[in-house]
């Protein structure tokens, strides 16, 4: 799952370094992620994981690191599985 997030960062994040070189907890905004590119990464993640980020998750903190994005994706995927089972 984190590899898909890394790929989304490589494709849409336009960072000066490859996502494979970024620690999961590193601050992506300090590395060069812009708010516009964070939105592009979010859209890529929505497409890749067939999820939709709700308004409550659309904040800087949730896209500040690989681990933060991974946590959001896991949460949204688990909610999707739960709602599909209901």
N, C-alpha and C. Protein backbone atom coordinates (compact mmCIF):
# COMPACT_ATOMS: atom_id res chain seq x y z
N UNK A 1 0.82 -1.19 0.00
CA UNK A 1 0.00 0.00 0.00
C UNK A 1 0.87 1.26 0.00
N UNK A 2 1.93 1.24 0.80
CA UNK A 2 2.78 2.43 0.85
C UNK A 2 3.51 2.64 -0.48
N UNK A 3 3.75 1.56 -1.22
CA UNK A 3 4.40 1.70 -2.52
C UNK A 3 3.49 2.42 -3.52
N UNK A 4 2.19 2.19 -3.42
CA UNK A 4 1.24 2.90 -4.28
C UNK A 4 1.23 4.39 -3.92
N UNK A 5 1.31 4.69 -2.64
CA UNK A 5 1.37 6.09 -2.20
C UNK A 5 2.67 6.73 -2.68
N UNK A 6 3.77 6.00 -2.59
CA UNK A 6 5.05 6.52 -3.09
C UNK A 6 4.96 6.80 -4.59
N UNK A 7 4.32 5.88 -5.32
CA UNK A 7 4.16 6.07 -6.76
C UNK A 7 3.32 7.33 -7.05
N UNK A 8 2.24 7.52 -6.29
CA UNK A 8 1.40 8.72 -6.46
C UNK A 8 2.22 9.98 -6.22
N UNK A 9 3.09 9.94 -5.23
CA UNK A 9 3.96 11.10 -4.96
C UNK A 9 4.93 11.33 -6.11
N UNK A 10 5.49 10.25 -6.65
CA UNK A 10 6.41 10.40 -7.77
C UNK A 10 5.71 10.98 -9.00
N UNK A 11 4.48 10.51 -9.25
CA UNK A 11 3.74 10.92 -10.44
C UNK A 11 3.15 12.32 -10.30
N UNK A 12 2.60 12.63 -9.13
CA UNK A 12 1.85 13.88 -8.96
C UNK A 12 2.45 14.89 -7.98
N UNK A 13 3.39 14.44 -7.14
CA UNK A 13 3.91 15.32 -6.10
C UNK A 13 4.98 16.30 -6.56
N UNK A 14 5.66 15.97 -7.66
CA UNK A 14 6.72 16.83 -8.21
C UNK A 14 7.74 17.24 -7.15
N UNK A 15 8.18 16.24 -6.38
CA UNK A 15 9.18 16.50 -5.34
C UNK A 15 10.58 16.43 -5.95
N UNK A 16 11.55 17.07 -5.32
CA UNK A 16 12.92 17.07 -5.86
C UNK A 16 13.66 15.76 -5.65
N UNK A 17 13.08 14.83 -4.90
CA UNK A 17 13.70 13.52 -4.66
C UNK A 17 12.65 12.43 -4.90
N UNK A 18 13.14 11.24 -5.20
CA UNK A 18 12.24 10.11 -5.41
C UNK A 18 11.56 9.76 -4.09
N UNK A 19 10.31 9.39 -4.17
CA UNK A 19 9.55 9.05 -2.96
C UNK A 19 10.15 7.85 -2.25
N UNK A 20 10.84 6.98 -2.98
CA UNK A 20 11.46 5.81 -2.35
C UNK A 20 12.56 6.21 -1.37
N UNK A 21 13.07 7.42 -1.49
CA UNK A 21 14.13 7.92 -0.60
C UNK A 21 13.60 8.68 0.60
N UNK A 22 12.29 8.83 0.69
CA UNK A 22 11.67 9.62 1.76
C UNK A 22 11.20 8.71 2.88
N UNK A 23 11.60 9.04 4.10
CA UNK A 23 11.16 8.28 5.27
C UNK A 23 9.66 8.47 5.45
N UNK A 24 8.97 7.44 5.95
CA UNK A 24 7.52 7.53 6.11
C UNK A 24 7.05 8.70 6.97
N UNK A 25 7.83 9.15 7.90
CA UNK A 25 7.43 10.22 8.82
C UNK A 25 7.95 11.60 8.39
N UNK A 26 8.74 11.67 7.32
CA UNK A 26 9.31 12.94 6.89
C UNK A 26 8.21 13.91 6.45
N UNK A 27 8.42 15.19 6.74
CA UNK A 27 7.45 16.22 6.38
C UNK A 27 7.59 16.53 4.89
N UNK A 28 6.58 16.15 4.12
CA UNK A 28 6.61 16.32 2.67
C UNK A 28 6.59 17.78 2.26
N UNK A 29 5.95 18.62 3.05
CA UNK A 29 5.91 20.05 2.73
C UNK A 29 7.30 20.68 2.88
N UNK A 30 8.07 20.20 3.84
CA UNK A 30 9.44 20.69 4.00
C UNK A 30 10.32 20.22 2.85
N UNK A 31 9.99 19.08 2.26
CA UNK A 31 10.75 18.54 1.14
C UNK A 31 10.38 19.26 -0.16
N UNK A 32 9.19 19.85 -0.23
CA UNK A 32 8.82 20.60 -1.42
C UNK A 32 7.41 20.38 -1.94
N UNK A 33 6.60 19.59 -1.24
CA UNK A 33 5.22 19.38 -1.67
C UNK A 33 4.44 20.69 -1.53
N UNK A 34 3.75 21.06 -2.59
CA UNK A 34 2.91 22.27 -2.55
C UNK A 34 1.46 21.85 -2.29
N UNK A 35 0.63 22.76 -1.82
CA UNK A 35 -0.78 22.43 -1.62
C UNK A 35 -1.45 21.95 -2.92
N UNK A 36 -1.10 22.56 -4.04
CA UNK A 36 -1.68 22.12 -5.31
C UNK A 36 -1.27 20.68 -5.62
N UNK A 37 0.00 20.36 -5.44
CA UNK A 37 0.45 19.01 -5.72
C UNK A 37 -0.10 18.01 -4.71
N UNK A 38 -0.34 18.45 -3.48
CA UNK A 38 -0.97 17.56 -2.49
C UNK A 38 -2.37 17.16 -2.97
N UNK A 39 -3.08 18.09 -3.58
CA UNK A 39 -4.41 17.78 -4.13
C UNK A 39 -4.28 16.79 -5.28
N UNK A 40 -3.26 16.98 -6.11
CA UNK A 40 -3.04 16.06 -7.22
C UNK A 40 -2.72 14.65 -6.71
N UNK A 41 -1.93 14.57 -5.66
CA UNK A 41 -1.61 13.27 -5.04
C UNK A 41 -2.89 12.65 -4.49
N UNK A 42 -3.71 13.45 -3.82
CA UNK A 42 -4.97 12.95 -3.27
C UNK A 42 -5.85 12.37 -4.38
N UNK A 43 -5.96 13.08 -5.49
CA UNK A 43 -6.78 12.59 -6.60
C UNK A 43 -6.23 11.28 -7.16
N UNK A 44 -4.93 11.18 -7.22
CA UNK A 44 -4.29 9.93 -7.69
C UNK A 44 -4.59 8.78 -6.72
N UNK A 45 -4.53 9.07 -5.42
CA UNK A 45 -4.83 8.04 -4.41
C UNK A 45 -6.30 7.61 -4.50
N UNK A 46 -7.18 8.56 -4.71
CA UNK A 46 -8.60 8.21 -4.87
C UNK A 46 -8.80 7.27 -6.04
N UNK A 47 -8.11 7.55 -7.13
CA UNK A 47 -8.23 6.70 -8.32
C UNK A 47 -7.62 5.32 -8.06
N UNK A 48 -6.43 5.29 -7.50
CA UNK A 48 -5.72 4.02 -7.29
C UNK A 48 -6.42 3.09 -6.30
N UNK A 49 -6.98 3.67 -5.25
CA UNK A 49 -7.59 2.87 -4.19
C UNK A 49 -9.12 2.81 -4.27
N UNK A 50 -9.71 3.48 -5.25
CA UNK A 50 -11.17 3.55 -5.38
C UNK A 50 -11.82 4.03 -4.09
N UNK A 51 -11.30 5.15 -3.60
CA UNK A 51 -11.81 5.76 -2.37
C UNK A 51 -12.12 7.23 -2.67
N UNK A 52 -12.75 7.88 -1.70
CA UNK A 52 -12.98 9.32 -1.79
C UNK A 52 -12.67 9.94 -0.44
N UNK A 53 -11.78 10.90 -0.43
CA UNK A 53 -11.44 11.58 0.80
C UNK A 53 -12.59 12.51 1.19
N UNK A 54 -13.15 12.33 2.38
CA UNK A 54 -14.22 13.23 2.83
C UNK A 54 -13.64 14.58 3.23
N UNK A 55 -14.49 15.58 3.26
CA UNK A 55 -14.05 16.94 3.60
C UNK A 55 -13.27 16.99 4.91
N UNK A 56 -13.66 16.19 5.88
CA UNK A 56 -12.99 16.23 7.19
C UNK A 56 -11.52 15.80 7.11
N UNK A 57 -11.14 15.09 6.04
CA UNK A 57 -9.75 14.65 5.88
C UNK A 57 -8.93 15.57 4.99
N UNK A 58 -9.57 16.57 4.44
CA UNK A 58 -8.86 17.46 3.51
C UNK A 58 -8.17 18.57 4.29
N UNK A 59 -7.05 18.21 4.88
CA UNK A 59 -6.25 19.19 5.61
C UNK A 59 -4.76 18.89 5.41
N UNK A 60 -3.98 19.86 5.69
CA UNK A 60 -2.52 19.77 5.47
C UNK A 60 -1.90 18.61 6.24
N UNK A 61 -2.34 18.38 7.44
CA UNK A 61 -1.76 17.34 8.30
C UNK A 61 -1.89 15.95 7.68
N UNK A 62 -3.01 15.67 7.04
CA UNK A 62 -3.23 14.33 6.49
C UNK A 62 -2.41 14.04 5.24
N UNK A 63 -1.78 15.06 4.68
CA UNK A 63 -0.93 14.87 3.50
C UNK A 63 0.51 15.30 3.75
N UNK A 64 0.86 15.48 5.02
CA UNK A 64 2.18 15.97 5.39
C UNK A 64 3.25 14.89 5.36
N UNK A 65 2.85 13.62 5.39
CA UNK A 65 3.84 12.55 5.38
C UNK A 65 3.25 11.30 4.73
N UNK A 66 4.12 10.40 4.35
CA UNK A 66 3.67 9.12 3.82
C UNK A 66 2.84 8.37 4.84
N UNK A 67 3.29 8.38 6.09
CA UNK A 67 2.56 7.64 7.13
C UNK A 67 1.18 8.24 7.38
N UNK A 68 1.04 9.56 7.28
CA UNK A 68 -0.26 10.19 7.47
C UNK A 68 -1.21 9.79 6.34
N UNK A 69 -0.70 9.80 5.11
CA UNK A 69 -1.54 9.40 3.97
C UNK A 69 -1.91 7.92 4.08
N UNK A 70 -0.97 7.10 4.48
CA UNK A 70 -1.24 5.67 4.64
C UNK A 70 -2.33 5.44 5.68
N UNK A 71 -2.28 6.16 6.77
CA UNK A 71 -3.29 6.04 7.81
C UNK A 71 -4.68 6.40 7.26
N UNK A 72 -4.75 7.48 6.49
CA UNK A 72 -6.03 7.90 5.91
C UNK A 72 -6.56 6.85 4.93
N UNK A 73 -5.69 6.36 4.07
CA UNK A 73 -6.10 5.37 3.08
C UNK A 73 -6.60 4.10 3.78
N UNK A 74 -5.86 3.65 4.79
CA UNK A 74 -6.30 2.45 5.54
C UNK A 74 -7.67 2.68 6.17
N UNK A 75 -7.86 3.84 6.76
CA UNK A 75 -9.14 4.14 7.40
C UNK A 75 -10.27 4.15 6.38
N UNK A 76 -10.05 4.79 5.25
CA UNK A 76 -11.10 4.87 4.23
C UNK A 76 -11.39 3.51 3.61
N UNK A 77 -10.37 2.72 3.42
CA UNK A 77 -10.58 1.38 2.85
C UNK A 77 -11.32 0.48 3.83
N UNK A 78 -11.01 0.59 5.11
CA UNK A 78 -11.71 -0.23 6.10
C UNK A 78 -13.16 0.19 6.21
N UNK A 79 -13.44 1.49 6.09
CA UNK A 79 -14.82 1.97 6.12
C UNK A 79 -15.57 1.47 4.90
N UNK A 80 -14.91 1.42 3.76
CA UNK A 80 -15.55 0.95 2.52
C UNK A 80 -15.89 -0.52 2.65
N UNK A 81 -15.00 -1.31 3.21
CA UNK A 81 -15.26 -2.74 3.40
C UNK A 81 -16.40 -2.93 4.36
N UNK A 82 -16.42 -2.14 5.44
CA UNK A 82 -17.48 -2.25 6.43
C UNK A 82 -18.83 -1.87 5.82
N UNK A 83 -18.86 -0.77 5.06
CA UNK A 83 -20.14 -0.33 4.49
C UNK A 83 -20.59 -1.27 3.39
N UNK A 84 -19.69 -1.92 2.67
CA UNK A 84 -20.08 -2.90 1.66
C UNK A 84 -20.68 -4.14 2.29
N UNK A 85 -20.23 -4.47 3.50
CA UNK A 85 -20.73 -5.66 4.18
C UNK A 85 -22.10 -5.42 4.83
N UNK A 86 -22.42 -4.16 5.05
CA UNK A 86 -23.69 -3.83 5.74
C UNK A 86 -24.89 -3.98 4.84
